[in-house]
C-alpha cells in the first residue's frame, strides 16, 4: 500500500509561511514515496471558521503547485464519527462532564497556586484543577439536564491504567532531540477536553479519528504538536486505531523568534503573492529551494 499523508488546516484565517512549509513537506514526501496526499479541513470551531478562509486555502495551495486527492474531508460533516468514538470511551468509564467555566478554572488554579506551583501541561497551560469526576452520577445527570454548559474530559489516570509501554515512532526530530522510538507521557496533559456541550469533539479526538478513517500512515506536522502526540497515541490505543508514524518538523518563526500566527500579515501567502513572490520564492523562504 502506498503511504498516505495529509495536510489539515483550519479555515480560521489566511495561510502563512508556516502552513506553506508543512503543506510542501507533505506534498514532497508524497511525491518522493509514491504516496497519496489528502487535504482535510478542520472546521469544528464554528465561531472562528469561515467559508471564505476555506476557499482561500484551496486557492493558496493550488498557487503553490500542491495537488491533493478529492473529495476533501471537512470535519463539520462527520460529527457522527467523533460522537461514536466518544461513546466508546464513555462505555469504558473514561469520560466525565466538568461544569466549571474558564473563569472558574482560573480562580481554582489561583487558589491552588497560593500553596505552591500548580502543574502545567507541555504547552504551559495549568492542568484541570477541578473535582468534577468525584461528583455522584445523579448530580452529574441533574446538572446536564439543567442545561448547564460543560466540557467532557478524559479521566487521564483511569485511561493510563489501560495501556503500558506507550510509545510512538518519530521520523523527524523534536525540539529536545526526540527521535526514533519516543516514550509517550500523556499524563503530563491531565484530564484533557474531548468535547463540549455545544461541540461534540475536540482537536485531540477528531484528529485521531480522522487519521484512522482516512488511512493516514505518516503524519508530517510542526514541532509544536510533538508532545500532544502522547495524547493521540493514548486515544489510538483506547479506541483500537492503527498507529501511524510521525515526522515533526521545525517551525517557521518571525524575526523575533516567535511562532507565526494567522495574523502575521508579512508572512501571509496572499501578501507575499501580492508583493510579487513566486511559488519558487516561497520554497526558498522556507528552506526548500
C-alpha atoms as a PDB file:
ATOM      1  CA  UNK A   1       0.000   0.000   0.000  1.00  0.00           C
ATOM      2  CA  UNK A   2       1.356   3.463  -0.837  1.00  0.00           C
ATOM      3  CA  UNK A   3       1.914   5.738   2.168  1.00  0.00           C
ATOM      4  CA  UNK A   4      -0.796   8.288   2.907  1.00  0.00           C
ATOM      5  CA  UNK A   5      -0.068  11.867   4.012  1.00  0.00           C
ATOM      6  CA  UNK A   6      -2.365  14.728   4.920  1.00  0.00           C
ATOM      7  CA  UNK A   7      -2.372  18.476   5.343  1.00  0.00           C
ATOM      8  CA  UNK A   8      -5.096  19.594   7.753  1.00  0.00           C
ATOM      9  CA  UNK A   9      -5.510  23.372   8.143  1.00  0.00           C
ATOM     10  CA  UNK A  10      -8.301  25.173   9.982  1.00  0.00           C
ATOM     11  CA  UNK A  11     -10.221  27.811   7.977  1.00  0.00           C
ATOM     12  CA  UNK A  12      -9.982  30.437  10.717  1.00  0.00           C
ATOM     13  CA  UNK A  13      -7.551  32.736   8.914  1.00  0.00           C
ATOM     14  CA  UNK A  14      -5.276  33.028   5.898  1.00  0.00           C
ATOM     15  CA  UNK A  15      -2.357  30.653   5.392  1.00  0.00           C
ATOM     16  CA  UNK A  16       1.164  31.884   6.145  1.00  0.00           C
ATOM     17  CA  UNK A  17       4.718  30.649   5.501  1.00  0.00           C
ATOM     18  CA  UNK A  18       4.486  28.119   8.325  1.00  0.00           C
ATOM     19  CA  UNK A  19       1.474  26.481   6.687  1.00  0.00           C
ATOM     20  CA  UNK A  20       3.244  26.564   3.322  1.00  0.00           C
ATOM     21  CA  UNK A  21       6.251  24.762   4.796  1.00  0.00           C
ATOM     22  CA  UNK A  22       4.131  21.988   6.301  1.00  0.00           C
ATOM     23  CA  UNK A  23       1.985  21.607   3.179  1.00  0.00           C
ATOM     24  CA  UNK A  24       5.039  21.478   0.912  1.00  0.00           C
ATOM     25  CA  UNK A  25       6.765  18.919   3.125  1.00  0.00           C
ATOM     26  CA  UNK A  26       3.701  16.664   2.940  1.00  0.00           C
ATOM     27  CA  UNK A  27       3.424  17.181  -0.814  1.00  0.00           C
ATOM     28  CA  UNK A  28       7.113  16.450  -1.364  1.00  0.00           C
ATOM     29  CA  UNK A  29       7.022  13.356   0.860  1.00  0.00           C
ATOM     30  CA  UNK A  30       4.037  12.007  -1.072  1.00  0.00           C
ATOM     31  CA  UNK A  31       5.858  12.504  -4.393  1.00  0.00           C
ATOM     32  CA  UNK A  32       9.135  11.032  -3.115  1.00  0.00           C
ATOM     33  CA  UNK A  33       7.470   7.884  -1.783  1.00  0.00           C
ATOM     34  CA  UNK A  34       4.824   7.389  -4.468  1.00  0.00           C
ATOM     35  CA  UNK A  35       2.226   8.080  -1.816  1.00  0.00           C
ATOM     36  CA  UNK A  36      -1.071   9.936  -1.629  1.00  0.00           C
ATOM     37  CA  UNK A  37      -1.721  13.424  -0.260  1.00  0.00           C
ATOM     38  CA  UNK A  38      -5.053  14.219   1.368  1.00  0.00           C
ATOM     39  CA  UNK A  39      -6.430  17.611   2.345  1.00  0.00           C
ATOM     40  CA  UNK A  40      -8.609  17.861   5.438  1.00  0.00           C
ATOM     41  CA  UNK A  41     -10.449  20.982   6.570  1.00  0.00           C
ATOM     42  CA  UNK A  42     -10.573  21.106  10.369  1.00  0.00           C
ATOM     43  CA  UNK A  43     -13.629  23.330  10.793  1.00  0.00           C
ATOM     44  CA  UNK A  44     -15.149  22.182  14.075  1.00  0.00           C
ATOM     45  CA  UNK A  45     -14.673  25.655  15.624  1.00  0.00           C
ATOM     46  CA  UNK A  46     -17.803  27.215  14.180  1.00  0.00           C
ATOM     47  CA  UNK A  47     -17.195  30.545  15.941  1.00  0.00           C
ATOM     48  CA  UNK A  48     -13.933  31.222  14.087  1.00  0.00           C
ATOM     49  CA  UNK A  49     -14.046  29.182  10.868  1.00  0.00           C
ATOM     50  CA  UNK A  50     -15.312  30.936   7.735  1.00  0.00           C
ATOM     51  CA  UNK A  51     -16.143  29.663   4.199  1.00  0.00           C
ATOM     52  CA  UNK A  52     -14.047  32.488   2.731  1.00  0.00           C
ATOM     53  CA  UNK A  53     -10.968  31.191   4.538  1.00  0.00           C
ATOM     54  CA  UNK A  54     -11.644  27.680   3.275  1.00  0.00           C
ATOM     55  CA  UNK A  55     -11.801  28.979  -0.281  1.00  0.00           C
ATOM     56  CA  UNK A  56      -8.548  30.854   0.312  1.00  0.00           C
ATOM     57  CA  UNK A  57      -6.871  27.627   1.469  1.00  0.00           C
ATOM     58  CA  UNK A  58      -7.703  25.919  -1.823  1.00  0.00           C
ATOM     59  CA  UNK A  59      -6.502  28.915  -3.826  1.00  0.00           C
ATOM     60  CA  UNK A  60      -3.234  29.324  -1.914  1.00  0.00           C
ATOM     61  CA  UNK A  61      -2.344  25.629  -2.068  1.00  0.00           C
ATOM     62  CA  UNK A  62      -3.095  25.488  -5.786  1.00  0.00           C
ATOM     63  CA  UNK A  63      -0.905  28.576  -6.327  1.00  0.00           C
ATOM     64  CA  UNK A  64       1.946  26.770  -4.548  1.00  0.00           C
ATOM     65  CA  UNK A  65       1.585  23.914  -7.031  1.00  0.00           C
ATOM     66  CA  UNK A  66       0.240  21.450  -4.476  1.00  0.00           C
ATOM     67  CA  UNK A  67      -2.211  18.819  -5.689  1.00  0.00           C
ATOM     68  CA  UNK A  68      -4.384  16.701  -3.397  1.00  0.00           C
ATOM     69  CA  UNK A  69      -6.962  13.960  -3.682  1.00  0.00           C
ATOM     70  CA  UNK A  70     -10.654  14.719  -3.633  1.00  0.00           C
ATOM     71  CA  UNK A  71     -13.105  14.761  -2.043  1.00  0.00           C
ATOM     72  CA  UNK A  72     -11.766  16.899   0.769  1.00  0.00           C
ATOM     73  CA  UNK A  73     -12.810  15.749   4.240  1.00  0.00           C
ATOM     74  CA  UNK A  74     -14.499  18.530   6.204  1.00  0.00           C
ATOM     75  CA  UNK A  75     -14.778  17.742   9.895  1.00  0.00           C
ATOM     76  CA  UNK A  76     -18.108  19.530  10.281  1.00  0.00           C
ATOM     77  CA  UNK A  77     -19.657  16.889   8.005  1.00  0.00           C
ATOM     78  CA  UNK A  78     -18.504  13.942  10.128  1.00  0.00           C
ATOM     79  CA  UNK A  79     -19.596  14.732  13.674  1.00  0.00           C
ATOM     80  CA  UNK A  80     -21.221  11.300  13.988  1.00  0.00           C
ATOM     81  CA  UNK A  81     -17.778   9.670  13.666  1.00  0.00           C
ATOM     82  CA  UNK A  82     -16.446  11.633  16.620  1.00  0.00           C
ATOM     83  CA  UNK A  83     -19.578  11.013  18.647  1.00  0.00           C
ATOM     84  CA  UNK A  84     -19.167   7.267  18.122  1.00  0.00           C
ATOM     85  CA  UNK A  85     -15.575   7.415  19.365  1.00  0.00           C
ATOM     86  CA  UNK A  86     -16.648   9.455  22.390  1.00  0.00           C
ATOM     87  CA  UNK A  87     -19.383   6.926  23.157  1.00  0.00           C
ATOM     88  CA  UNK A  88     -16.796   4.143  23.065  1.00  0.00           C
ATOM     89  CA  UNK A  89     -14.575   5.958  25.567  1.00  0.00           C
ATOM     90  CA  UNK A  90     -17.613   6.680  27.733  1.00  0.00           C
ATOM     91  CA  UNK A  91     -18.517   2.987  27.732  1.00  0.00           C
ATOM     92  CA  UNK A  92     -15.051   2.321  29.192  1.00  0.00           C
ATOM     93  CA  UNK A  93     -15.855   4.729  32.038  1.00  0.00           C
ATOM     94  CA  UNK A  94     -13.163   7.191  30.943  1.00  0.00           C
ATOM     95  CA  UNK A  95     -15.221  10.326  30.259  1.00  0.00           C
ATOM     96  CA  UNK A  96     -16.881  12.718  32.690  1.00  0.00           C
ATOM     97  CA  UNK A  97     -18.556  16.139  32.418  1.00  0.00           C
ATOM     98  CA  UNK A  98     -16.900  19.136  34.084  1.00  0.00           C
ATOM     99  CA  UNK A  99     -19.055  22.202  34.641  1.00  0.00           C
ATOM    100  CA  UNK A 100     -16.584  24.956  35.570  1.00  0.00           C
ATOM    101  CA  UNK A 101     -16.279  27.958  33.268  1.00  0.00           C
ATOM    102  CA  UNK A 102     -12.864  29.171  32.126  1.00  0.00           C
ATOM    103  CA  UNK A 103     -13.069  31.938  34.736  1.00  0.00           C
ATOM    104  CA  UNK A 104     -13.876  29.435  37.475  1.00  0.00           C
ATOM    105  CA  UNK A 105     -10.960  27.235  36.435  1.00  0.00           C
ATOM    106  CA  UNK A 106      -8.618  30.251  36.537  1.00  0.00           C
ATOM    107  CA  UNK A 107      -9.859  31.016  40.048  1.00  0.00           C
ATOM    108  CA  UNK A 108      -9.313  27.423  41.168  1.00  0.00           C
ATOM    109  CA  UNK A 109      -5.779  27.476  39.784  1.00  0.00           C
ATOM    110  CA  UNK A 110      -5.065  30.712  41.652  1.00  0.00           C
ATOM    111  CA  UNK A 111      -6.284  29.099  44.878  1.00  0.00           C
ATOM    112  CA  UNK A 112      -4.072  26.046  44.314  1.00  0.00           C
ATOM    113  CA  UNK A 113      -1.045  28.203  43.476  1.00  0.00           C
ATOM    114  CA  UNK A 114      -1.373  30.031  46.780  1.00  0.00           C
ATOM    115  CA  UNK A 115       0.165  26.880  48.264  1.00  0.00           C
ATOM    116  CA  UNK A 116       2.879  26.476  45.627  1.00  0.00           C
ATOM    117  CA  UNK A 117       3.282  25.921  41.874  1.00  0.00           C
ATOM    118  CA  UNK A 118       0.394  24.166  40.158  1.00  0.00           C
ATOM    119  CA  UNK A 119       1.393  21.655  37.426  1.00  0.00           C
ATOM    120  CA  UNK A 120       1.128  22.749  33.823  1.00  0.00           C
ATOM    121  CA  UNK A 121       0.914  20.821  30.572  1.00  0.00           C
ATOM    122  CA  UNK A 122       3.652  20.855  27.894  1.00  0.00           C
ATOM    123  CA  UNK A 123       2.015  23.911  26.308  1.00  0.00           C
ATOM    124  CA  UNK A 124       2.210  25.801  29.604  1.00  0.00           C
ATOM    125  CA  UNK A 125      -1.492  25.700  30.478  1.00  0.00           C
ATOM    126  CA  UNK A 126      -2.438  24.681  34.035  1.00  0.00           C
ATOM    127  CA  UNK A 127      -3.813  21.189  34.445  1.00  0.00           C
ATOM    128  CA  UNK A 128      -7.513  20.913  35.196  1.00  0.00           C
ATOM    129  CA  UNK A 129      -7.839  21.681  38.925  1.00  0.00           C
ATOM    130  CA  UNK A 130     -11.485  20.772  39.461  1.00  0.00           C
ATOM    131  CA  UNK A 131     -13.058  17.735  41.067  1.00  0.00           C
ATOM    132  CA  UNK A 132     -15.966  17.115  38.718  1.00  0.00           C
ATOM    133  CA  UNK A 133     -15.117  13.440  38.292  1.00  0.00           C
ATOM    134  CA  UNK A 134     -15.888  12.971  42.007  1.00  0.00           C
ATOM    135  CA  UNK A 135     -19.486  14.159  41.577  1.00  0.00           C
ATOM    136  CA  UNK A 136     -22.097  11.406  42.126  1.00  0.00           C
ATOM    137  CA  UNK A 137     -23.733  10.269  38.913  1.00  0.00           C
ATOM    138  CA  UNK A 138     -27.187  11.622  39.871  1.00  0.00           C
ATOM    139  CA  UNK A 139     -25.701  15.086  40.432  1.00  0.00           C
ATOM    140  CA  UNK A 140     -23.917  14.966  37.067  1.00  0.00           C
ATOM    141  CA  UNK A 141     -27.158  13.964  35.375  1.00  0.00           C
ATOM    142  CA  UNK A 142     -29.027  16.768  37.120  1.00  0.00           C
ATOM    143  CA  UNK A 143     -26.533  19.408  36.022  1.00  0.00           C
ATOM    144  CA  UNK A 144     -26.535  18.158  32.426  1.00  0.00           C
ATOM    145  CA  UNK A 145     -30.349  18.071  32.350  1.00  0.00           C
ATOM    146  CA  UNK A 146     -30.468  21.636  33.693  1.00  0.00           C
ATOM    147  CA  UNK A 147     -28.769  22.859  30.526  1.00  0.00           C
ATOM    148  CA  UNK A 148     -25.629  23.982  32.273  1.00  0.00           C
ATOM    149  CA  UNK A 149     -22.587  24.222  29.929  1.00  0.00           C
ATOM    150  CA  UNK A 150     -19.976  21.502  30.354  1.00  0.00           C
ATOM    151  CA  UNK A 151     -16.823  20.021  28.891  1.00  0.00           C
ATOM    152  CA  UNK A 152     -16.378  16.279  28.542  1.00  0.00           C
ATOM    153  CA  UNK A 153     -12.954  15.387  29.910  1.00  0.00           C
ATOM    154  CA  UNK A 154     -10.834  12.246  29.724  1.00  0.00           C
ATOM    155  CA  UNK A 155     -10.100  10.703  33.102  1.00  0.00           C
ATOM    156  CA  UNK A 156      -6.358  10.520  32.433  1.00  0.00           C
ATOM    157  CA  UNK A 157      -5.418   8.421  35.445  1.00  0.00           C
ATOM    158  CA  UNK A 158      -8.041   5.811  34.605  1.00  0.00           C
ATOM    159  CA  UNK A 159      -7.156   5.916  30.899  1.00  0.00           C
ATOM    160  CA  UNK A 160      -3.467   5.335  31.558  1.00  0.00           C
ATOM    161  CA  UNK A 161      -4.331   2.192  33.509  1.00  0.00           C
ATOM    162  CA  UNK A 162      -5.487   0.682  30.202  1.00  0.00           C
ATOM    163  CA  UNK A 163      -2.095   0.984  28.484  1.00  0.00           C
ATOM    164  CA  UNK A 164       1.521   0.113  29.215  1.00  0.00           C
ATOM    165  CA  UNK A 165       4.718   0.952  27.387  1.00  0.00           C
ATOM    166  CA  UNK A 166       3.104   3.670  25.263  1.00  0.00           C
ATOM    167  CA  UNK A 167       5.467   4.982  22.554  1.00  0.00           C
ATOM    168  CA  UNK A 168       5.491   6.467  19.073  1.00  0.00           C
ATOM    169  CA  UNK A 169       7.836   6.293  16.088  1.00  0.00           C
ATOM    170  CA  UNK A 170       9.406   9.715  15.451  1.00  0.00           C
ATOM    171  CA  UNK A 171      10.912  10.098  11.971  1.00  0.00           C
ATOM    172  CA  UNK A 172      11.693  13.782  12.415  1.00  0.00           C
ATOM    173  CA  UNK A 173      13.259  15.392  15.439  1.00  0.00           C
ATOM    174  CA  UNK A 174      11.727  17.142  18.386  1.00  0.00           C
ATOM    175  CA  UNK A 175      12.987  20.386  19.951  1.00  0.00           C
ATOM    176  CA  UNK A 176      14.824  18.356  22.609  1.00  0.00           C
ATOM    177  CA  UNK A 177      16.275  15.861  20.136  1.00  0.00           C
ATOM    178  CA  UNK A 178      13.438  13.327  20.321  1.00  0.00           C
ATOM    179  CA  UNK A 179      13.875  10.777  17.553  1.00  0.00           C
ATOM    180  CA  UNK A 180      13.267   7.079  16.921  1.00  0.00           C
ATOM    181  CA  UNK A 181      11.062   5.346  19.483  1.00  0.00           C
ATOM    182  CA  UNK A 182       9.805   8.039  21.852  1.00  0.00           C
ATOM    183  CA  UNK A 183       8.163   7.296  25.189  1.00  0.00           C
ATOM    184  CA  UNK A 184       4.699   8.845  25.348  1.00  0.00           C
ATOM    185  CA  UNK A 185       3.696  10.548  28.607  1.00  0.00           C
ATOM    186  CA  UNK A 186       0.021  11.519  28.226  1.00  0.00           C
ATOM    187  CA  UNK A 187      -0.330  12.037  31.972  1.00  0.00           C
ATOM    188  CA  UNK A 188       1.569  15.322  31.532  1.00  0.00           C
ATOM    189  CA  UNK A 189      -1.597  16.751  29.946  1.00  0.00           C
ATOM    190  CA  UNK A 190      -4.005  15.989  32.766  1.00  0.00           C
ATOM    191  CA  UNK A 191      -7.705  15.473  32.062  1.00  0.00           C
ATOM    192  CA  UNK A 192      -7.848  16.844  28.510  1.00  0.00           C
ATOM    193  CA  UNK A 193     -11.107  18.006  26.940  1.00  0.00           C
ATOM    194  CA  UNK A 194     -12.599  15.598  24.402  1.00  0.00           C
ATOM    195  CA  UNK A 195     -15.788  17.537  23.597  1.00  0.00           C
ATOM    196  CA  UNK A 196     -18.081  20.274  24.832  1.00  0.00           C
ATOM    197  CA  UNK A 197     -21.831  20.517  25.187  1.00  0.00           C
ATOM    198  CA  UNK A 198     -22.071  22.614  22.020  1.00  0.00           C
ATOM    199  CA  UNK A 199     -19.277  20.860  20.089  1.00  0.00           C
ATOM    200  CA  UNK A 200     -19.238  17.039  20.069  1.00  0.00           C
ATOM    201  CA  UNK A 201     -15.473  16.772  19.568  1.00  0.00           C
ATOM    202  CA  UNK A 202     -12.114  18.404  20.215  1.00  0.00           C
ATOM    203  CA  UNK A 203      -8.883  18.591  18.264  1.00  0.00           C
ATOM    204  CA  UNK A 204      -7.373  15.627  20.124  1.00  0.00           C
ATOM    205  CA  UNK A 205     -10.336  13.350  19.478  1.00  0.00           C
ATOM    206  CA  UNK A 206     -11.141  14.359  15.912  1.00  0.00           C
ATOM    207  CA  UNK A 207      -7.555  14.204  14.666  1.00  0.00           C
ATOM    208  CA  UNK A 208      -7.032  10.573  15.703  1.00  0.00           C
ATOM    209  CA  UNK A 209     -10.415   9.516  14.343  1.00  0.00           C
ATOM    210  CA  UNK A 210      -9.828  11.295  11.025  1.00  0.00           C
ATOM    211  CA  UNK A 211      -6.315   9.933  10.566  1.00  0.00           C
ATOM    212  CA  UNK A 212      -7.542   6.396  11.161  1.00  0.00           C
ATOM    213  CA  UNK A 213     -10.594   6.658   8.897  1.00  0.00           C
ATOM    214  CA  UNK A 214      -8.501   8.221   6.128  1.00  0.00           C
ATOM    215  CA  UNK A 215      -5.734   5.648   6.441  1.00  0.00           C
ATOM    216  CA  UNK A 216      -3.013   8.222   7.123  1.00  0.00           C
ATOM    217  CA  UNK A 217       0.237   6.331   7.646  1.00  0.00           C
ATOM    218  CA  UNK A 218       2.754   9.164   8.134  1.00  0.00           C
ATOM    219  CA  UNK A 219       1.818  12.380   9.910  1.00  0.00           C
ATOM    220  CA  UNK A 220       4.009  15.346   8.983  1.00  0.00           C
ATOM    221  CA  UNK A 221       3.352  18.352  11.208  1.00  0.00           C
ATOM    222  CA  UNK A 222       5.064  21.044  13.298  1.00  0.00           C
ATOM    223  CA  UNK A 223       7.119  20.510  16.425  1.00  0.00           C
ATOM    224  CA  UNK A 224       4.526  22.475  18.397  1.00  0.00           C
ATOM    225  CA  UNK A 225       2.370  19.327  18.271  1.00  0.00           C
ATOM    226  CA  UNK A 226       5.100  16.849  19.174  1.00  0.00           C
ATOM    227  CA  UNK A 227       4.164  16.441  22.842  1.00  0.00           C
ATOM    228  CA  UNK A 228       0.443  16.243  22.029  1.00  0.00           C
ATOM    229  CA  UNK A 229       1.322  13.009  20.217  1.00  0.00           C
ATOM    230  CA  UNK A 230       1.285  11.325  23.632  1.00  0.00           C
ATOM    231  CA  UNK A 231      -2.442  12.074  23.983  1.00  0.00           C
ATOM    232  CA  UNK A 232      -3.078  10.957  20.417  1.00  0.00           C
ATOM    233  CA  UNK A 233      -1.280   7.660  20.922  1.00  0.00           C
ATOM    234  CA  UNK A 234      -3.269   7.050  24.116  1.00  0.00           C
ATOM    235  CA  UNK A 235      -6.556   7.636  22.308  1.00  0.00           C
ATOM    236  CA  UNK A 236      -5.469   5.421  19.413  1.00  0.00           C
ATOM    237  CA  UNK A 237      -4.823   2.530  21.786  1.00  0.00           C
ATOM    238  CA  UNK A 238      -8.047   3.055  23.726  1.00  0.00           C
ATOM    239  CA  UNK A 239     -10.086   3.198  20.509  1.00  0.00           C
ATOM    240  CA  UNK A 240      -8.269   0.325  18.805  1.00  0.00           C
ATOM    241  CA  UNK A 241      -6.995   2.543  15.979  1.00  0.00           C
ATOM    242  CA  UNK A 242      -3.843   1.907  13.919  1.00  0.00           C
ATOM    243  CA  UNK A 243      -0.571   3.615  14.812  1.00  0.00           C
ATOM    244  CA  UNK A 244       0.879   5.950  12.179  1.00  0.00           C
ATOM    245  CA  UNK A 245       4.479   7.171  12.084  1.00  0.00           C
ATOM    246  CA  UNK A 246       5.138  10.793  12.983  1.00  0.00           C
ATOM    247  CA  UNK A 247       7.507  13.322  11.457  1.00  0.00           C
ATOM    248  CA  UNK A 248       7.572  16.623  13.363  1.00  0.00           C
ATOM    249  CA  UNK A 249       9.325  19.465  11.587  1.00  0.00           C
ATOM    250  CA  UNK A 250      10.837  22.724  12.891  1.00  0.00           C
ATOM    251  CA  UNK A 251       8.589  25.778  12.934  1.00  0.00           C
ATOM    252  CA  UNK A 252       8.984  28.806  10.710  1.00  0.00           C
ATOM    253  CA  UNK A 253       9.442  31.784  13.021  1.00  0.00           C
ATOM    254  CA  UNK A 254       9.387  35.555  12.673  1.00  0.00           C
ATOM    255  CA  UNK A 255      12.358  37.854  13.191  1.00  0.00           C
ATOM    256  CA  UNK A 256      11.717  37.881  16.943  1.00  0.00           C
ATOM    257  CA  UNK A 257      11.796  34.073  17.060  1.00  0.00           C
ATOM    258  CA  UNK A 258       8.066  33.719  17.608  1.00  0.00           C
ATOM    259  CA  UNK A 259       5.903  31.060  16.007  1.00  0.00           C
ATOM    260  CA  UNK A 260       3.958  32.501  13.081  1.00  0.00           C
ATOM    261  CA  UNK A 261       0.243  33.111  13.520  1.00  0.00           C
ATOM    262  CA  UNK A 262      -2.539  33.770  11.048  1.00  0.00           C
ATOM    263  CA  UNK A 263      -2.336  37.436  11.963  1.00  0.00           C
ATOM    264  CA  UNK A 264       1.224  37.567  10.585  1.00  0.00           C
ATOM    265  CA  UNK A 265       0.474  39.741   7.577  1.00  0.00           C
ATOM    266  CA  UNK A 266       4.091  39.978   6.422  1.00  0.00           C
ATOM    267  CA  UNK A 267       4.331  36.211   6.050  1.00  0.00           C
ATOM    268  CA  UNK A 268       0.805  35.569   4.753  1.00  0.00           C
ATOM    269  CA  UNK A 269       0.811  33.789   1.408  1.00  0.00           C
ATOM    270  CA  UNK A 270      -1.632  36.269  -0.128  1.00  0.00           C
ATOM    271  CA  UNK A 271       0.504  39.219   0.939  1.00  0.00           C
ATOM    272  CA  UNK A 272       3.626  37.555  -0.425  1.00  0.00           C
ATOM    273  CA  UNK A 273       1.906  36.814  -3.720  1.00  0.00           C
ATOM    274  CA  UNK A 274       0.729  40.419  -3.969  1.00  0.00           C
ATOM    275  CA  UNK A 275       4.312  41.517  -3.363  1.00  0.00           C
ATOM    276  CA  UNK A 276       5.461  39.503  -6.387  1.00  0.00           C
ATOM    277  CA  UNK A 277       6.869  36.451  -4.591  1.00  0.00           C
ATOM    278  CA  UNK A 278       6.584  33.298  -6.712  1.00  0.00           C
ATOM    279  CA  UNK A 279       5.902  29.740  -5.513  1.00  0.00           C
ATOM    280  CA  UNK A 280       9.588  29.016  -6.081  1.00  0.00           C
ATOM    281  CA  UNK A 281      10.358  32.043  -3.937  1.00  0.00           C
ATOM    282  CA  UNK A 282       8.181  30.666  -1.155  1.00  0.00           C
ATOM    283  CA  UNK A 283      10.144  27.407  -1.289  1.00  0.00           C
ATOM    284  CA  UNK A 284      13.346  29.371  -0.883  1.00  0.00           C
ATOM    285  CA  UNK A 285      11.924  31.389   2.028  1.00  0.00           C
ATOM    286  CA  UNK A 286      11.100  28.203   3.953  1.00  0.00           C
ATOM    287  CA  UNK A 287      14.368  26.451   3.085  1.00  0.00           C
ATOM    288  CA  UNK A 288      13.034  24.052   0.456  1.00  0.00           C
ATOM    289  CA  UNK A 289      14.559  25.770  -2.575  1.00  0.00           C
END
